[in-house]
Amino acid sequence: MTNTSSRAEWRATAGLLALSAVPVIAGSARLTELATGAEVTPANARFLAVPLPVVAHIIGATLFCVLGAFQFHRGLRRRRPRWHRITGRLLVPCGLAAAGSGIWMTLYYPLPAVDGARFGVLGVSRLAFGAVMAAGIGWSVVAIRRKDIVSHRAWMIRAYAIGQGAGTQVLTHLPWVLVAGQPGVGARAVLMNAGWVINVVVAEWLIRRRPARPARPVSRGSYGDPARVAADRPALRG
């Protein structure tokens, strides 16, 4: 049973990494473009003019999604609690950088025509999901400081789900592009929102699928590390 569970957890981690692949590759291409001084085009002019926000967004989102995929591996959390804590401290500023820069770009970058009005459906959605992602990370920090691991886990799952929106948006766009070509303003707004909504629904299902059970007593001597003892309690395994 343990080996089967471990394989399932690694498959889930691999799935999250695969979901991150296209946005990470696209982000790496954008960073290369900025670093090499590419020719200015209508598609990249805003990034070349003010590169810091998009650089912060790409780096923050990449680290948040890639390293975050390993944070949800229960066996890894139990075996390497110190790694989990150190990585978590890195993920908080990365996630906030991704969310904050996304909000800034929505408010201040010139937007391509296909995005519609700045405060149209897509623009408002970007602002809303970015704000919820940042708030979720903040609440997760507050919860862990209170030693409320269940709430900490729930809010980090929600924030991570929103952060992974770009990966799911690739999947929502692909069928449309193959069948009907590039979407217009209205269709793009629907497809972009579908990516975030799908992720949030899955996140809520994961949070609620296994109700917390009363913690059984665990001998401190069996591990010697209070953090490991806490991680081993069924109510906090999630």
Protein backbone atom coordinates (compact mmCIF):
# COMPACT_ATOMS: atom_id res chain seq x y z
CA MET A 1 0.00 0.00 0.00
CA THR A 2 2.85 2.38 0.86
CA ASN A 3 4.60 1.82 -2.47
CA THR A 4 1.33 2.30 -4.34
CA SER A 5 0.64 5.53 -2.45
CA SER A 6 4.16 6.78 -3.13
CA ARG A 7 3.84 6.09 -6.84
CA ALA A 8 0.51 7.91 -6.94
CA GLU A 9 2.04 10.91 -5.20
CA TRP A 10 4.96 11.02 -7.64
CA ARG A 11 2.54 10.76 -10.55
CA ALA A 12 0.61 13.73 -9.15
CA THR A 13 3.84 15.71 -8.79
CA ALA A 14 4.85 14.80 -12.35
CA GLY A 15 1.41 15.91 -13.57
CA LEU A 16 1.83 19.32 -11.91
CA LEU A 17 5.28 19.70 -13.45
CA ALA A 18 3.87 18.78 -16.87
CA LEU A 19 1.12 21.36 -16.40
CA SER A 20 3.82 23.96 -15.73
CA ALA A 21 5.90 23.02 -18.76
CA VAL A 22 4.40 25.21 -21.49
CA PRO A 23 4.21 28.42 -19.38
CA VAL A 24 7.76 27.81 -18.09
CA ILE A 25 9.10 27.29 -21.62
CA ALA A 26 7.25 30.37 -22.89
CA GLY A 27 8.52 32.40 -19.94
CA SER A 28 12.10 31.24 -20.55
CA ALA A 29 11.79 32.32 -24.19
CA ARG A 30 10.54 35.73 -23.07
CA LEU A 31 13.46 36.15 -20.65
CA THR A 32 15.90 35.20 -23.41
CA GLU A 33 14.27 37.75 -25.68
CA LEU A 34 14.65 40.46 -23.04
CA ALA A 35 18.25 39.50 -22.25
CA THR A 36 19.40 39.49 -25.88
CA GLY A 37 17.75 42.75 -26.90
CA ALA A 38 15.33 41.37 -29.45
CA GLU A 39 13.82 43.49 -32.17
CA VAL A 40 10.88 45.56 -30.95
CA THR A 41 7.51 44.30 -32.21
CA PRO A 42 3.91 45.11 -31.23
CA ALA A 43 3.86 41.85 -29.23
CA ASN A 44 6.90 42.61 -27.08
CA ALA A 45 7.16 46.41 -27.05
CA ARG A 46 5.58 46.79 -23.60
CA PHE A 47 7.92 44.20 -22.07
CA LEU A 48 11.06 45.73 -23.61
CA ALA A 49 10.03 49.22 -22.50
CA VAL A 50 9.44 48.18 -18.85
CA PRO A 51 10.97 44.70 -18.32
CA LEU A 52 11.05 44.44 -14.50
CA PRO A 53 7.39 43.47 -13.92
CA VAL A 54 7.39 40.70 -16.53
CA VAL A 55 10.78 39.40 -15.32
CA ALA A 56 9.46 39.28 -11.73
CA HIS A 57 6.29 37.58 -12.95
CA ILE A 58 8.09 34.89 -14.95
CA ILE A 59 10.68 34.06 -12.30
CA GLY A 60 8.19 34.17 -9.44
CA ALA A 61 5.57 32.07 -11.23
CA THR A 62 8.14 29.54 -12.47
CA LEU A 63 9.58 28.89 -9.02
CA PHE A 64 6.15 28.92 -7.40
CA CYS A 65 4.72 26.32 -9.80
CA VAL A 66 7.78 24.07 -10.15
CA LEU A 67 8.94 23.95 -6.52
CA GLY A 68 5.34 24.03 -5.33
CA ALA A 69 4.63 20.77 -7.14
CA PHE A 70 6.91 18.97 -4.66
CA GLN A 71 5.28 20.60 -1.63
CA PHE A 72 2.11 18.54 -2.17
CA HIS A 73 4.00 15.21 -2.05
CA ARG A 74 2.94 13.89 1.35
CA GLY A 75 5.76 11.34 1.64
CA LEU A 76 8.37 13.96 0.83
CA ARG A 77 6.91 16.31 3.43
CA ARG A 78 7.10 13.59 6.07
CA ARG A 79 10.61 12.45 5.20
CA ARG A 80 12.06 15.92 4.64
CA PRO A 81 10.16 18.35 6.92
CA ARG A 82 13.09 20.79 6.97
CA TRP A 83 13.15 20.88 3.15
CA HIS A 84 9.42 21.52 3.16
CA ARG A 85 9.79 24.48 5.53
CA ILE A 86 12.76 26.03 3.69
CA THR A 87 11.09 25.67 0.31
CA GLY A 88 7.86 27.10 1.72
CA ARG A 89 9.71 30.23 2.85
CA LEU A 90 10.99 30.67 -0.70
CA LEU A 91 7.60 30.03 -2.27
CA VAL A 92 5.84 32.78 -0.31
CA PRO A 93 7.80 35.71 -1.88
CA CYS A 94 7.78 33.96 -5.27
CA GLY A 95 4.01 33.57 -5.21
CA LEU A 96 3.49 37.15 -4.03
CA ALA A 97 5.84 38.40 -6.77
CA ALA A 98 3.88 36.46 -9.40
CA ALA A 99 0.51 37.71 -8.17
CA GLY A 100 1.62 41.29 -7.56
CA SER A 101 3.40 41.68 -10.89
CA GLY A 102 0.40 40.16 -12.67
CA ILE A 103 -1.84 42.80 -11.10
CA TRP A 104 0.62 45.57 -12.01
CA MET A 105 0.85 44.44 -15.63
CA THR A 106 -2.94 44.32 -15.91
CA LEU A 107 -3.23 47.87 -14.59
CA TYR A 108 -0.32 49.57 -16.35
CA TYR A 109 0.96 47.68 -19.39
CA PRO A 110 -0.59 48.55 -22.76
CA LEU A 111 -2.81 45.55 -23.48
CA PRO A 112 -3.11 43.72 -26.81
CA ALA A 113 -6.43 44.18 -28.60
CA VAL A 114 -7.43 40.57 -28.02
CA ASP A 115 -7.44 41.16 -24.24
CA GLY A 116 -10.25 43.70 -24.58
CA ALA A 117 -10.68 46.71 -22.31
CA ARG A 118 -8.42 47.07 -19.28
CA PHE A 119 -11.42 46.71 -16.98
CA GLY A 120 -13.32 44.34 -19.23
CA VAL A 121 -14.14 40.75 -18.29
CA LEU A 122 -10.59 39.42 -18.67
CA GLY A 123 -8.95 42.40 -16.99
CA VAL A 124 -11.23 42.25 -13.96
CA SER A 125 -10.72 38.48 -13.74
CA ARG A 126 -6.94 38.88 -13.74
CA LEU A 127 -7.16 41.45 -10.97
CA ALA A 128 -9.56 39.32 -8.92
CA PHE A 129 -7.66 36.04 -9.23
CA GLY A 130 -4.34 37.79 -8.60
CA ALA A 131 -5.74 39.39 -5.44
CA VAL A 132 -7.18 36.07 -4.20
CA MET A 133 -3.86 34.31 -4.89
CA ALA A 134 -1.93 36.93 -2.90
CA ALA A 135 -4.50 36.85 -0.08
CA GLY A 136 -4.40 33.04 -0.01
CA ILE A 137 -0.62 33.08 0.43
CA GLY A 138 -0.97 35.67 3.17
CA TRP A 139 -3.63 33.64 4.99
CA SER A 140 -1.49 30.52 4.69
CA VAL A 141 1.38 32.32 6.44
CA VAL A 142 -0.93 33.55 9.20
CA ALA A 143 -2.31 30.02 9.62
CA ILE A 144 1.08 28.33 9.92
CA ARG A 145 2.22 30.91 12.47
CA ARG A 146 -0.83 29.90 14.48
CA LYS A 147 0.14 26.24 13.92
CA ASP A 148 -3.13 25.71 12.05
CA ILE A 149 -1.71 23.30 9.49
CA VAL A 150 -5.09 22.34 8.04
CA SER A 151 -5.91 25.96 7.13
CA HIS A 152 -2.33 26.55 5.96
CA ARG A 153 -2.58 23.62 3.57
CA ALA A 154 -6.01 24.66 2.28
CA TRP A 155 -4.98 28.24 1.48
CA MET A 156 -1.74 27.17 -0.18
CA ILE A 157 -3.64 24.71 -2.36
CA ARG A 158 -6.00 27.53 -3.43
CA ALA A 159 -3.13 29.92 -4.16
CA TYR A 160 -1.20 27.24 -6.06
CA ALA A 161 -4.27 26.38 -8.12
CA ILE A 162 -4.58 29.99 -9.25
CA GLY A 163 -0.84 30.20 -9.90
CA GLN A 164 -1.14 27.17 -12.17
CA GLY A 165 -3.87 28.89 -14.19
CA ALA A 166 -1.58 29.52 -17.17
CA GLY A 167 -0.94 25.78 -17.57
CA THR A 168 -4.63 24.92 -17.60
CA GLN A 169 -5.33 27.84 -19.94
CA VAL A 170 -3.09 26.18 -22.51
CA LEU A 171 -5.41 23.17 -22.35
CA THR A 172 -8.60 25.25 -22.57
CA HIS A 173 -7.27 27.19 -25.58
CA LEU A 174 -5.86 24.25 -27.53
CA PRO A 175 -9.15 22.65 -28.71
CA TRP A 176 -10.55 26.06 -29.69
CA VAL A 177 -7.43 26.98 -31.66
CA LEU A 178 -7.40 23.63 -33.45
CA VAL A 179 -11.07 23.87 -34.42
CA ALA A 180 -11.75 27.58 -34.87
CA GLY A 181 -8.40 29.37 -34.90
CA GLN A 182 -7.33 32.14 -32.55
CA PRO A 183 -10.16 33.22 -30.20
CA GLY A 184 -11.59 36.72 -30.24
CA VAL A 185 -12.00 38.99 -27.24
CA GLY A 186 -15.09 37.28 -25.81
CA ALA A 187 -13.93 33.71 -26.42
CA ARG A 188 -10.48 34.46 -24.99
CA ALA A 189 -12.03 35.83 -21.80
CA VAL A 190 -14.14 32.68 -21.43
CA LEU A 191 -11.20 30.33 -22.10
CA MET A 192 -8.89 32.18 -19.72
CA ASN A 193 -11.48 32.18 -16.95
CA ALA A 194 -12.20 28.51 -17.58
CA GLY A 195 -8.56 27.70 -16.75
CA TRP A 196 -8.73 29.46 -13.39
CA VAL A 197 -12.17 28.12 -12.52
CA ILE A 198 -11.24 24.51 -13.33
CA ASN A 199 -8.18 24.77 -11.09
CA VAL A 200 -10.11 26.35 -8.22
CA VAL A 201 -12.85 23.68 -8.41
CA VAL A 202 -10.24 20.90 -8.35
CA ALA A 203 -8.49 22.60 -5.44
CA GLU A 204 -11.69 22.78 -3.41
CA TRP A 205 -12.39 19.13 -4.14
CA LEU A 206 -8.92 18.17 -2.93
CA ILE A 207 -9.33 20.24 0.23
CA ARG A 208 -12.69 18.64 1.08
CA ARG A 209 -12.25 15.08 -0.11
CA ARG A 210 -10.59 13.87 3.11
CA PRO A 211 -12.10 15.35 6.28
CA ALA A 212 -9.73 15.85 9.14
CA ARG A 213 -9.73 13.00 11.63
CA PRO A 214 -8.85 13.21 15.32
CA ALA A 215 -5.11 13.00 15.77
CA ARG A 216 -3.90 9.83 17.41
CA PRO A 217 -1.19 10.06 20.07
CA VAL A 218 2.32 9.80 18.63
CA SER A 219 5.34 9.17 20.78
CA ARG A 220 7.90 11.95 20.53
CA GLY A 221 10.61 9.40 20.99
CA SER A 222 9.69 7.66 17.75
CA TYR A 223 11.05 10.63 15.79
CA GLY A 224 12.67 12.99 18.25
CA ASP A 225 11.57 15.99 16.15
CA PRO A 226 8.32 17.79 17.05
CA ALA A 227 7.86 18.85 13.41
CA ARG A 228 7.96 15.21 12.31
CA VAL A 229 5.55 14.24 15.02
CA ALA A 230 3.09 16.87 13.79
CA ALA A 231 3.58 15.79 10.18
CA ASP A 232 2.81 12.17 11.05
CA ARG A 233 -0.61 12.84 12.55
CA PRO A 234 -3.43 11.64 10.29
CA ALA A 235 -5.39 14.88 10.73
CA LEU A 236 -2.56 16.80 9.12
CA ARG A 237 -1.45 14.43 6.40
CA GLY A 238 -3.80 15.73 3.67
